[in-house]
């Protein structure tokens, strides 16, 4: 992982949220987005069940926001994952190890 560093929060009921944010100038945006897509692909492969909002029966979910930050060429990308605590912690550990 070159851009995304996840910050975790636990809801106290076995569910968690992992959020990462990165800001880059336009030339580096393709690299950042490749990293985001790699995270999402790994999350899909390691999925603990159906993707979707928990209130609709999903086991895990992801939200991606991309925002251009004005005329200076910076773009901010925020990726949030939600799901079972053990799944998310294992996912983030795997991403950090580079396996």
PDB file of N, CA and C in Angstrom:
ATOM      1  N   UNK A   1       0.838  -1.172   0.000  1.00  0.00           N
ATOM      2  CA  UNK A   1       0.000   0.000   0.000  1.00  0.00           C
ATOM      3  C   UNK A   1       0.891   1.245   0.000  1.00  0.00           C
ATOM      4  N   UNK A   2       0.686   2.080  -0.979  1.00  0.00           N
ATOM      5  CA  UNK A   2       1.478   3.302  -1.088  1.00  0.00           C
ATOM      6  C   UNK A   2       0.712   4.552  -0.678  1.00  0.00           C
ATOM      7  N   UNK A   3      -0.618   4.499  -0.773  1.00  0.00           N
ATOM      8  CA  UNK A   3      -1.425   5.690  -0.540  1.00  0.00           C
ATOM      9  C   UNK A   3      -2.382   5.541   0.639  1.00  0.00           C
ATOM     10  N   UNK A   4      -3.038   4.396   0.737  1.00  0.00           N
ATOM     11  CA  UNK A   4      -4.120   4.224   1.702  1.00  0.00           C
ATOM     12  C   UNK A   4      -3.617   3.645   3.021  1.00  0.00           C
ATOM     13  N   UNK A   5      -3.937   4.333   4.099  1.00  0.00           N
ATOM     14  CA  UNK A   5      -3.683   3.852   5.448  1.00  0.00           C
ATOM     15  C   UNK A   5      -5.032   3.866   6.155  1.00  0.00           C
ATOM     16  N   UNK A   6      -5.469   2.697   6.612  1.00  0.00           N
ATOM     17  CA  UNK A   6      -6.805   2.570   7.184  1.00  0.00           C
ATOM     18  C   UNK A   6      -6.812   2.884   8.671  1.00  0.00           C
ATOM     19  N   UNK A   7      -7.846   3.598   9.066  1.00  0.00           N
ATOM     20  CA  UNK A   7      -8.116   3.907  10.460  1.00  0.00           C
ATOM     21  C   UNK A   7      -9.382   3.130  10.829  1.00  0.00           C
ATOM     22  N   UNK A   8      -9.318   2.345  11.896  1.00  0.00           N
ATOM     23  CA  UNK A   8     -10.419   1.456  12.260  1.00  0.00           C
ATOM     24  C   UNK A   8     -11.223   1.990  13.427  1.00  0.00           C
ATOM     25  N   UNK A   9     -12.520   1.678  13.411  1.00  0.00           N
ATOM     26  CA  UNK A   9     -13.367   1.935  14.569  1.00  0.00           C
ATOM     27  C   UNK A   9     -14.296   0.733  14.742  1.00  0.00           C
ATOM     28  N   UNK A  10     -14.478   0.353  15.997  1.00  0.00           N
ATOM     29  CA  UNK A  10     -15.263  -0.831  16.371  1.00  0.00           C
ATOM     30  C   UNK A  10     -16.566  -0.360  16.998  1.00  0.00           C
ATOM     31  N   UNK A  11     -17.687  -0.962  16.596  1.00  0.00           N
ATOM     32  CA  UNK A  11     -18.972  -0.551  17.158  1.00  0.00           C
ATOM     33  C   UNK A  11     -19.292  -1.239  18.488  1.00  0.00           C
ATOM     34  N   UNK A  12     -18.418  -2.127  18.953  1.00  0.00           N
ATOM     35  CA  UNK A  12     -18.642  -2.818  20.209  1.00  0.00           C
ATOM     36  C   UNK A  12     -19.561  -4.025  20.104  1.00  0.00           C
ATOM     37  N   UNK A  13     -20.041  -4.310  18.902  1.00  0.00           N
ATOM     38  CA  UNK A  13     -20.948  -5.437  18.669  1.00  0.00           C
ATOM     39  C   UNK A  13     -20.431  -6.369  17.576  1.00  0.00           C
ATOM     40  N   UNK A  14     -19.109  -6.356  17.378  1.00  0.00           N
ATOM     41  CA  UNK A  14     -18.513  -7.253  16.400  1.00  0.00           C
ATOM     42  C   UNK A  14     -18.427  -6.709  14.988  1.00  0.00           C
ATOM     43  N   UNK A  15     -18.840  -5.463  14.782  1.00  0.00           N
ATOM     44  CA  UNK A  15     -18.771  -4.838  13.462  1.00  0.00           C
ATOM     45  C   UNK A  15     -17.771  -3.686  13.518  1.00  0.00           C
ATOM     46  N   UNK A  16     -17.170  -3.386  12.376  1.00  0.00           N
ATOM     47  CA  UNK A  16     -16.202  -2.310  12.333  1.00  0.00           C
ATOM     48  C   UNK A  16     -16.298  -1.503  11.057  1.00  0.00           C
ATOM     49  N   UNK A  17     -15.611  -0.382  11.072  1.00  0.00           N
ATOM     50  CA  UNK A  17     -15.480   0.478   9.905  1.00  0.00           C
ATOM     51  C   UNK A  17     -14.000   0.799   9.749  1.00  0.00           C
ATOM     52  N   UNK A  18     -13.510   0.690   8.530  1.00  0.00           N
ATOM     53  CA  UNK A  18     -12.121   0.998   8.192  1.00  0.00           C
ATOM     54  C   UNK A  18     -12.162   2.067   7.122  1.00  0.00           C
ATOM     55  N   UNK A  19     -11.552   3.205   7.406  1.00  0.00           N
ATOM     56  CA  UNK A  19     -11.608   4.325   6.479  1.00  0.00           C
ATOM     57  C   UNK A  19     -10.197   4.784   6.141  1.00  0.00           C
ATOM     58  N   UNK A  20      -9.986   5.051   4.862  1.00  0.00           N
ATOM     59  CA  UNK A  20      -8.706   5.577   4.389  1.00  0.00           C
ATOM     60  C   UNK A  20      -8.980   6.762   3.478  1.00  0.00           C
ATOM     61  N   UNK A  21      -8.086   7.749   3.550  1.00  0.00           N
ATOM     62  CA  UNK A  21      -8.208   8.928   2.709  1.00  0.00           C
ATOM     63  C   UNK A  21      -6.826   9.269   2.168  1.00  0.00           C
ATOM     64  N   UNK A  22      -6.781   9.661   0.914  1.00  0.00           N
ATOM     65  CA  UNK A  22      -5.525  10.088   0.301  1.00  0.00           C
ATOM     66  C   UNK A  22      -5.818  11.227  -0.666  1.00  0.00           C
ATOM     67  N   UNK A  23      -4.902  12.176  -0.735  1.00  0.00           N
ATOM     68  CA  UNK A  23      -5.001  13.279  -1.684  1.00  0.00           C
ATOM     69  C   UNK A  23      -3.763  13.264  -2.568  1.00  0.00           C
ATOM     70  N   UNK A  24      -3.994  13.348  -3.862  1.00  0.00           N
ATOM     71  CA  UNK A  24      -2.893  13.330  -4.826  1.00  0.00           C
ATOM     72  C   UNK A  24      -3.155  14.344  -5.928  1.00  0.00           C
ATOM     73  N   UNK A  25      -2.083  14.721  -6.592  1.00  0.00           N
ATOM     74  CA  UNK A  25      -2.218  15.554  -7.797  1.00  0.00           C
ATOM     75  C   UNK A  25      -2.569  14.640  -8.973  1.00  0.00           C
ATOM     76  N   UNK A  26      -3.093  15.224 -10.013  1.00  0.00           N
ATOM     77  CA  UNK A  26      -3.624  14.475 -11.157  1.00  0.00           C
ATOM     78  C   UNK A  26      -2.692  13.396 -11.711  1.00  0.00           C
ATOM     79  N   UNK A  27      -1.393  13.629 -11.853  1.00  0.00           N
ATOM     80  CA  UNK A  27      -0.536  12.585 -12.429  1.00  0.00           C
ATOM     81  C   UNK A  27      -0.481  11.293 -11.603  1.00  0.00           C
ATOM     82  N   UNK A  28      -0.743  11.386 -10.297  1.00  0.00           N
ATOM     83  CA  UNK A  28      -0.670  10.196  -9.432  1.00  0.00           C
ATOM     84  C   UNK A  28      -2.031   9.544  -9.205  1.00  0.00           C
ATOM     85  N   UNK A  29      -3.098  10.184  -9.693  1.00  0.00           N
ATOM     86  CA  UNK A  29      -4.438   9.657  -9.474  1.00  0.00           C
ATOM     87  C   UNK A  29      -4.622   8.240 -10.024  1.00  0.00           C
ATOM     88  N   UNK A  30      -4.115   7.905 -11.207  1.00  0.00           N
ATOM     89  CA  UNK A  30      -4.268   6.524 -11.688  1.00  0.00           C
ATOM     90  C   UNK A  30      -3.646   5.488 -10.748  1.00  0.00           C
ATOM     91  N   UNK A  31      -2.508   5.821 -10.138  1.00  0.00           N
ATOM     92  CA  UNK A  31      -1.876   4.892  -9.190  1.00  0.00           C
ATOM     93  C   UNK A  31      -2.736   4.717  -7.940  1.00  0.00           C
ATOM     94  N   UNK A  32      -3.272   5.815  -7.433  1.00  0.00           N
ATOM     95  CA  UNK A  32      -4.141   5.754  -6.260  1.00  0.00           C
ATOM     96  C   UNK A  32      -5.384   4.935  -6.563  1.00  0.00           C
ATOM     97  N   UNK A  33      -5.987   5.179  -7.708  1.00  0.00           N
ATOM     98  CA  UNK A  33      -7.216   4.445  -8.048  1.00  0.00           C
ATOM     99  C   UNK A  33      -6.929   2.957  -8.275  1.00  0.00           C
ATOM    100  N   UNK A  34      -5.760   2.625  -8.782  1.00  0.00           N
ATOM    101  CA  UNK A  34      -5.378   1.219  -8.920  1.00  0.00           C
ATOM    102  C   UNK A  34      -5.290   0.572  -7.541  1.00  0.00           C
ATOM    103  N   UNK A  35      -4.744   1.297  -6.572  1.00  0.00           N
ATOM    104  CA  UNK A  35      -4.665   0.777  -5.208  1.00  0.00           C
ATOM    105  C   UNK A  35      -6.061   0.592  -4.619  1.00  0.00           C
ATOM    106  N   UNK A  36      -6.955   1.553  -4.829  1.00  0.00           N
ATOM    107  CA  UNK A  36      -8.341   1.439  -4.356  1.00  0.00           C
ATOM    108  C   UNK A  36      -9.000   0.202  -4.961  1.00  0.00           C
ATOM    109  N   UNK A  37      -8.834   0.007  -6.262  1.00  0.00           N
ATOM    110  CA  UNK A  37      -9.460  -1.139  -6.922  1.00  0.00           C
ATOM    111  C   UNK A  37      -8.869  -2.463  -6.434  1.00  0.00           C
ATOM    112  N   UNK A  38      -7.585  -2.464  -6.107  1.00  0.00           N
ATOM    113  CA  UNK A  38      -6.966  -3.674  -5.552  1.00  0.00           C
ATOM    114  C   UNK A  38      -7.552  -3.990  -4.174  1.00  0.00           C
ATOM    115  N   UNK A  39      -7.777  -2.967  -3.360  1.00  0.00           N
ATOM    116  CA  UNK A  39      -8.398  -3.170  -2.042  1.00  0.00           C
ATOM    117  C   UNK A  39      -9.805  -3.735  -2.216  1.00  0.00           C
ATOM    118  N   UNK A  40     -10.576  -3.148  -3.112  1.00  0.00           N
ATOM    119  CA  UNK A  40     -11.946  -3.622  -3.326  1.00  0.00           C
ATOM    120  C   UNK A  40     -11.969  -5.045  -3.877  1.00  0.00           C
ATOM    121  N   UNK A  41     -11.032  -5.377  -4.751  1.00  0.00           N
ATOM    122  CA  UNK A  41     -10.967  -6.738  -5.290  1.00  0.00           C
ATOM    123  C   UNK A  41     -10.637  -7.736  -4.188  1.00  0.00           C
ATOM    124  N   UNK A  42      -9.711  -7.389  -3.304  1.00  0.00           N
ATOM    125  CA  UNK A  42      -9.372  -8.273  -2.194  1.00  0.00           C
ATOM    126  C   UNK A  42     -10.560  -8.408  -1.247  1.00  0.00           C
ATOM    127  N   UNK A  43     -11.238  -7.312  -0.977  1.00  0.00           N
ATOM    128  CA  UNK A  43     -12.425  -7.360  -0.116  1.00  0.00           C
ATOM    129  C   UNK A  43     -13.476  -8.292  -0.710  1.00  0.00           C
ATOM    130  N   UNK A  44     -13.667  -8.234  -2.014  1.00  0.00           N
ATOM    131  CA  UNK A  44     -14.620  -9.134  -2.687  1.00  0.00           C
ATOM    132  C   UNK A  44     -14.183 -10.589  -2.554  1.00  0.00           C
ATOM    133  N   UNK A  45     -12.888 -10.853  -2.759  1.00  0.00           N
ATOM    134  CA  UNK A  45     -12.387 -12.235  -2.665  1.00  0.00           C
ATOM    135  C   UNK A  45     -12.514 -12.793  -1.256  1.00  0.00           C
ATOM    136  N   UNK A  46     -12.339 -11.941  -0.255  1.00  0.00           N
ATOM    137  CA  UNK A  46     -12.380 -12.374   1.148  1.00  0.00           C
ATOM    138  C   UNK A  46     -13.738 -12.094   1.792  1.00  0.00           C
ATOM    139  N   UNK A  47     -14.724 -11.772   0.984  1.00  0.00           N
ATOM    140  CA  UNK A  47     -16.033 -11.345   1.484  1.00  0.00           C
ATOM    141  C   UNK A  47     -16.631 -12.335   2.480  1.00  0.00           C
ATOM    142  N   UNK A  48     -17.143 -11.817   3.601  1.00  0.00           N
ATOM    143  CA  UNK A  48     -17.775 -12.671   4.597  1.00  0.00           C
ATOM    144  C   UNK A  48     -19.231 -12.983   4.273  1.00  0.00           C
ATOM    145  N   UNK A  49     -19.680 -12.548   3.124  1.00  0.00           N
ATOM    146  CA  UNK A  49     -21.070 -12.756   2.713  1.00  0.00           C
ATOM    147  C   UNK A  49     -21.436 -11.737   1.650  1.00  0.00           C
ATOM    148  N   UNK A  50     -22.700 -11.474   1.525  1.00  0.00           N
ATOM    149  CA  UNK A  50     -23.229 -10.569   0.510  1.00  0.00           C
ATOM    150  C   UNK A  50     -22.837  -9.125   0.801  1.00  0.00           C
ATOM    151  N   UNK A  51     -22.451  -8.413  -0.266  1.00  0.00           N
ATOM    152  CA  UNK A  51     -22.137  -6.996  -0.117  1.00  0.00           C
ATOM    153  C   UNK A  51     -23.424  -6.188  -0.150  1.00  0.00           C
ATOM    154  N   UNK A  52     -23.528  -5.249   0.760  1.00  0.00           N
ATOM    155  CA  UNK A  52     -24.671  -4.348   0.813  1.00  0.00           C
ATOM    156  C   UNK A  52     -24.815  -3.763   2.201  1.00  0.00           C
ATOM    157  N   UNK A  53     -25.659  -2.762   2.343  1.00  0.00           N
ATOM    158  CA  UNK A  53     -25.869  -2.169   3.662  1.00  0.00           C
ATOM    159  C   UNK A  53     -26.367  -3.214   4.667  1.00  0.00           C
ATOM    160  N   UNK A  54     -25.856  -3.151   5.884  1.00  0.00           N
ATOM    161  CA  UNK A  54     -26.245  -4.131   6.904  1.00  0.00           C
ATOM    162  C   UNK A  54     -27.737  -4.077   7.199  1.00  0.00           C
ATOM    163  N   UNK A  55     -28.308  -2.874   7.155  1.00  0.00           N
ATOM    164  CA  UNK A  55     -29.745  -2.757   7.414  1.00  0.00           C
ATOM    165  C   UNK A  55     -30.588  -3.406   6.322  1.00  0.00           C
ATOM    166  N   UNK A  56     -29.956  -3.742   5.198  1.00  0.00           N
ATOM    167  CA  UNK A  56     -30.652  -4.439   4.113  1.00  0.00           C
ATOM    168  C   UNK A  56     -30.186  -5.886   3.987  1.00  0.00           C
ATOM    169  N   UNK A  57     -29.466  -6.386   5.014  1.00  0.00           N
ATOM    170  CA  UNK A  57     -29.034  -7.776   5.028  1.00  0.00           C
ATOM    171  C   UNK A  57     -27.636  -8.032   4.513  1.00  0.00           C
ATOM    172  N   UNK A  58     -26.899  -7.000   4.173  1.00  0.00           N
ATOM    173  CA  UNK A  58     -25.524  -7.180   3.703  1.00  0.00           C
ATOM    174  C   UNK A  58     -24.594  -7.556   4.840  1.00  0.00           C
ATOM    175  N   UNK A  59     -23.572  -8.327   4.511  1.00  0.00           N
ATOM    176  CA  UNK A  59     -22.578  -8.723   5.505  1.00  0.00           C
ATOM    177  C   UNK A  59     -21.432  -7.714   5.569  1.00  0.00           C
ATOM    178  N   UNK A  60     -21.193  -7.023   4.463  1.00  0.00           N
ATOM    179  CA  UNK A  60     -20.132  -6.025   4.389  1.00  0.00           C
ATOM    180  C   UNK A  60     -20.487  -5.029   3.304  1.00  0.00           C
ATOM    181  N   UNK A  61     -19.811  -3.884   3.318  1.00  0.00           N
ATOM    182  CA  UNK A  61     -20.067  -2.894   2.280  1.00  0.00           C
ATOM    183  C   UNK A  61     -18.839  -2.003   2.118  1.00  0.00           C
ATOM    184  N   UNK A  62     -18.822  -1.265   1.044  1.00  0.00           N
ATOM    185  CA  UNK A  62     -17.739  -0.324   0.759  1.00  0.00           C
ATOM    186  C   UNK A  62     -18.349   0.930   0.152  1.00  0.00           C
ATOM    187  N   UNK A  63     -17.729   2.055   0.480  1.00  0.00           N
ATOM    188  CA  UNK A  63     -18.150   3.322  -0.107  1.00  0.00           C
ATOM    189  C   UNK A  63     -16.910   4.049  -0.587  1.00  0.00           C
ATOM    190  N   UNK A  64     -16.958   4.527  -1.813  1.00  0.00           N
ATOM    191  CA  UNK A  64     -15.847   5.246  -2.416  1.00  0.00           C
ATOM    192  C   UNK A  64     -16.315   6.648  -2.786  1.00  0.00           C
ATOM    193  N   UNK A  65     -15.548   7.645  -2.354  1.00  0.00           N
ATOM    194  CA  UNK A  65     -15.831   9.023  -2.723  1.00  0.00           C
ATOM    195  C   UNK A  65     -14.573   9.613  -3.356  1.00  0.00           C
ATOM    196  N   UNK A  66     -14.758  10.284  -4.492  1.00  0.00           N
ATOM    197  CA  UNK A  66     -13.656  10.942  -5.188  1.00  0.00           C
ATOM    198  C   UNK A  66     -14.070  12.390  -5.386  1.00  0.00           C
ATOM    199  N   UNK A  67     -13.204  13.301  -4.920  1.00  0.00           N
ATOM    200  CA  UNK A  67     -13.545  14.717  -4.984  1.00  0.00           C
ATOM    201  C   UNK A  67     -12.357  15.524  -5.486  1.00  0.00           C
ATOM    202  N   UNK A  68     -12.572  16.229  -6.599  1.00  0.00           N
ATOM    203  CA  UNK A  68     -11.548  17.158  -7.094  1.00  0.00           C
ATOM    204  C   UNK A  68     -11.562  18.376  -6.187  1.00  0.00           C
ATOM    205  N   UNK A  69     -10.388  18.776  -5.721  1.00  0.00           N
ATOM    206  CA  UNK A  69     -10.289  19.844  -4.722  1.00  0.00           C
ATOM    207  C   UNK A  69      -9.872  21.179  -5.313  1.00  0.00           C
ATOM    208  N   UNK A  70     -10.505  21.565  -6.380  1.00  0.00           N
ATOM    209  CA  UNK A  70     -10.255  22.900  -6.906  1.00  0.00           C
ATOM    210  C   UNK A  70      -9.255  22.941  -8.037  1.00  0.00           C
ATOM    211  N   UNK A  71      -8.852  24.144  -8.401  1.00  0.00           N
ATOM    212  CA  UNK A  71      -8.028  24.359  -9.599  1.00  0.00           C
ATOM    213  C   UNK A  71      -6.562  23.974  -9.428  1.00  0.00           C
ATOM    214  N   UNK A  72      -6.137  23.621  -8.220  1.00  0.00           N
ATOM    215  CA  UNK A  72      -4.722  23.308  -8.020  1.00  0.00           C
ATOM    216  C   UNK A  72      -4.352  21.873  -8.393  1.00  0.00           C
ATOM    217  N   UNK A  73      -5.313  21.089  -8.878  1.00  0.00           N
ATOM    218  CA  UNK A  73      -5.015  19.757  -9.395  1.00  0.00           C
ATOM    219  C   UNK A  73      -5.015  18.634  -8.383  1.00  0.00           C
ATOM    220  N   UNK A  74      -5.440  18.870  -7.151  1.00  0.00           N
ATOM    221  CA  UNK A  74      -5.492  17.819  -6.149  1.00  0.00           C
ATOM    222  C   UNK A  74      -6.835  17.101  -6.210  1.00  0.00           C
ATOM    223  N   UNK A  75      -6.819  15.797  -5.960  1.00  0.00           N
ATOM    224  CA  UNK A  75      -8.036  14.995  -5.844  1.00  0.00           C
ATOM    225  C   UNK A  75      -7.945  14.209  -4.544  1.00  0.00           C
ATOM    226  N   UNK A  76      -9.034  14.208  -3.786  1.00  0.00           N
ATOM    227  CA  UNK A  76      -9.104  13.467  -2.532  1.00  0.00           C
ATOM    228  C   UNK A  76      -9.992  12.245  -2.732  1.00  0.00           C
ATOM    229  N   UNK A  77      -9.476  11.100  -2.327  1.00  0.00           N
ATOM    230  CA  UNK A  77     -10.201   9.829  -2.444  1.00  0.00           C
ATOM    231  C   UNK A  77     -10.396   9.285  -1.031  1.00  0.00           C
ATOM    232  N   UNK A  78     -11.628   8.932  -0.709  1.00  0.00           N
ATOM    233  CA  UNK A  78     -11.957   8.332   0.580  1.00  0.00           C
ATOM    234  C   UNK A  78     -12.597   6.977   0.330  1.00  0.00           C
ATOM    235  N   UNK A  79     -12.075   5.953   0.988  1.00  0.00           N
ATOM    236  CA  UNK A  79     -12.608   4.597   0.878  1.00  0.00           C
ATOM    237  C   UNK A  79     -12.983   4.124   2.270  1.00  0.00           C
ATOM    238  N   UNK A  80     -14.227   3.700   2.439  1.00  0.00           N
ATOM    239  CA  UNK A  80     -14.707   3.174   3.717  1.00  0.00           C
ATOM    240  C   UNK A  80     -15.204   1.756   3.514  1.00  0.00           C
ATOM    241  N   UNK A  81     -14.770   0.861   4.387  1.00  0.00           N
ATOM    242  CA  UNK A  81     -15.238  -0.521   4.402  1.00  0.00           C
ATOM    243  C   UNK A  81     -15.956  -0.753   5.723  1.00  0.00           C
ATOM    244  N   UNK A  82     -17.051  -1.472   5.704  1.00  0.00           N
ATOM    245  CA  UNK A  82     -17.755  -1.863   6.919  1.00  0.00           C
ATOM    246  C   UNK A  82     -18.016  -3.353   6.864  1.00  0.00           C
ATOM    247  N   UNK A  83     -17.975  -3.992   8.023  1.00  0.00           N
ATOM    248  CA  UNK A  83     -18.243  -5.425   8.079  1.00  0.00           C
ATOM    249  C   UNK A  83     -17.820  -6.013   9.402  1.00  0.00           C
ATOM    250  N   UNK A  84     -17.802  -7.334   9.484  1.00  0.00           N
ATOM    251  CA  UNK A  84     -17.392  -7.995  10.719  1.00  0.00           C
ATOM    252  C   UNK A  84     -15.968  -7.604  11.107  1.00  0.00           C
ATOM    253  N   UNK A  85     -15.766  -7.372  12.394  1.00  0.00           N
ATOM    254  CA  UNK A  85     -14.471  -6.903  12.891  1.00  0.00           C
ATOM    255  C   UNK A  85     -13.333  -7.826  12.475  1.00  0.00           C
ATOM    256  N   UNK A  86     -13.469  -9.111  12.684  1.00  0.00           N
ATOM    257  CA  UNK A  86     -12.383 -10.055  12.367  1.00  0.00           C
ATOM    258  C   UNK A  86     -12.047 -10.019  10.876  1.00  0.00           C
ATOM    259  N   UNK A  87     -13.053  -9.930  10.016  1.00  0.00           N
ATOM    260  CA  UNK A  87     -12.838  -9.866   8.567  1.00  0.00           C
ATOM    261  C   UNK A  87     -12.042  -8.613   8.197  1.00  0.00           C
ATOM    262  N   UNK A  88     -12.467  -7.469   8.692  1.00  0.00           N
ATOM    263  CA  UNK A  88     -11.804  -6.219   8.349  1.00  0.00           C
ATOM    264  C   UNK A  88     -10.378  -6.148   8.859  1.00  0.00           C
ATOM    265  N   UNK A  89     -10.157  -6.621  10.080  1.00  0.00           N
ATOM    266  CA  UNK A  89      -8.806  -6.604  10.631  1.00  0.00           C
ATOM    267  C   UNK A  89      -7.884  -7.530   9.831  1.00  0.00           C
ATOM    268  N   UNK A  90      -8.394  -8.699   9.438  1.00  0.00           N
ATOM    269  CA  UNK A  90      -7.595  -9.623   8.627  1.00  0.00           C
ATOM    270  C   UNK A  90      -7.308  -9.023   7.248  1.00  0.00           C
ATOM    271  N   UNK A  91      -8.282  -8.347   6.676  1.00  0.00           N
ATOM    272  CA  UNK A  91      -8.133  -7.714   5.370  1.00  0.00           C
ATOM    273  C   UNK A  91      -7.050  -6.637   5.421  1.00  0.00           C
ATOM    274  N   UNK A  92      -7.131  -5.756   6.399  1.00  0.00           N
ATOM    275  CA  UNK A  92      -6.162  -4.673   6.537  1.00  0.00           C
ATOM    276  C   UNK A  92      -4.761  -5.234   6.810  1.00  0.00           C
ATOM    277  N   UNK A  93      -4.675  -6.279   7.627  1.00  0.00           N
ATOM    278  CA  UNK A  93      -3.369  -6.910   7.898  1.00  0.00           C
ATOM    279  C   UNK A  93      -2.781  -7.497   6.622  1.00  0.00           C
ATOM    280  N   UNK A  94      -3.619  -8.127   5.805  1.00  0.00           N
ATOM    281  CA  UNK A  94      -3.146  -8.689   4.543  1.00  0.00           C
ATOM    282  C   UNK A  94      -2.675  -7.592   3.599  1.00  0.00           C
ATOM    283  N   UNK A  95      -3.394  -6.496   3.549  1.00  0.00           N
ATOM    284  CA  UNK A  95      -2.996  -5.369   2.704  1.00  0.00           C
ATOM    285  C   UNK A  95      -1.674  -4.782   3.174  1.00  0.00           C
ATOM    286  N   UNK A  96      -1.494  -4.664   4.471  1.00  0.00           N
ATOM    287  CA  UNK A  96      -0.263  -4.100   5.023  1.00  0.00           C
ATOM    288  C   UNK A  96       0.943  -4.993   4.773  1.00  0.00           C
ATOM    289  N   UNK A  97       0.712  -6.306   4.743  1.00  0.00           N
ATOM    290  CA  UNK A  97       1.823  -7.243   4.535  1.00  0.00           C
ATOM    291  C   UNK A  97       2.224  -7.349   3.075  1.00  0.00           C
ATOM    292  N   UNK A  98       1.312  -6.924   2.181  1.00  0.00           N
ATOM    293  CA  UNK A  98       1.608  -6.992   0.762  1.00  0.00           C
ATOM    294  C   UNK A  98       1.439  -8.356   0.150  1.00  0.00           C
ATOM    295  N   UNK A  99       0.841  -9.304   0.880  1.00  0.00           N
ATOM    296  CA  UNK A  99       0.632 -10.669   0.350  1.00  0.00           C
ATOM    297  C   UNK A  99      -0.504 -10.696  -0.655  1.00  0.00           C
TER     298      UNK A  99
END
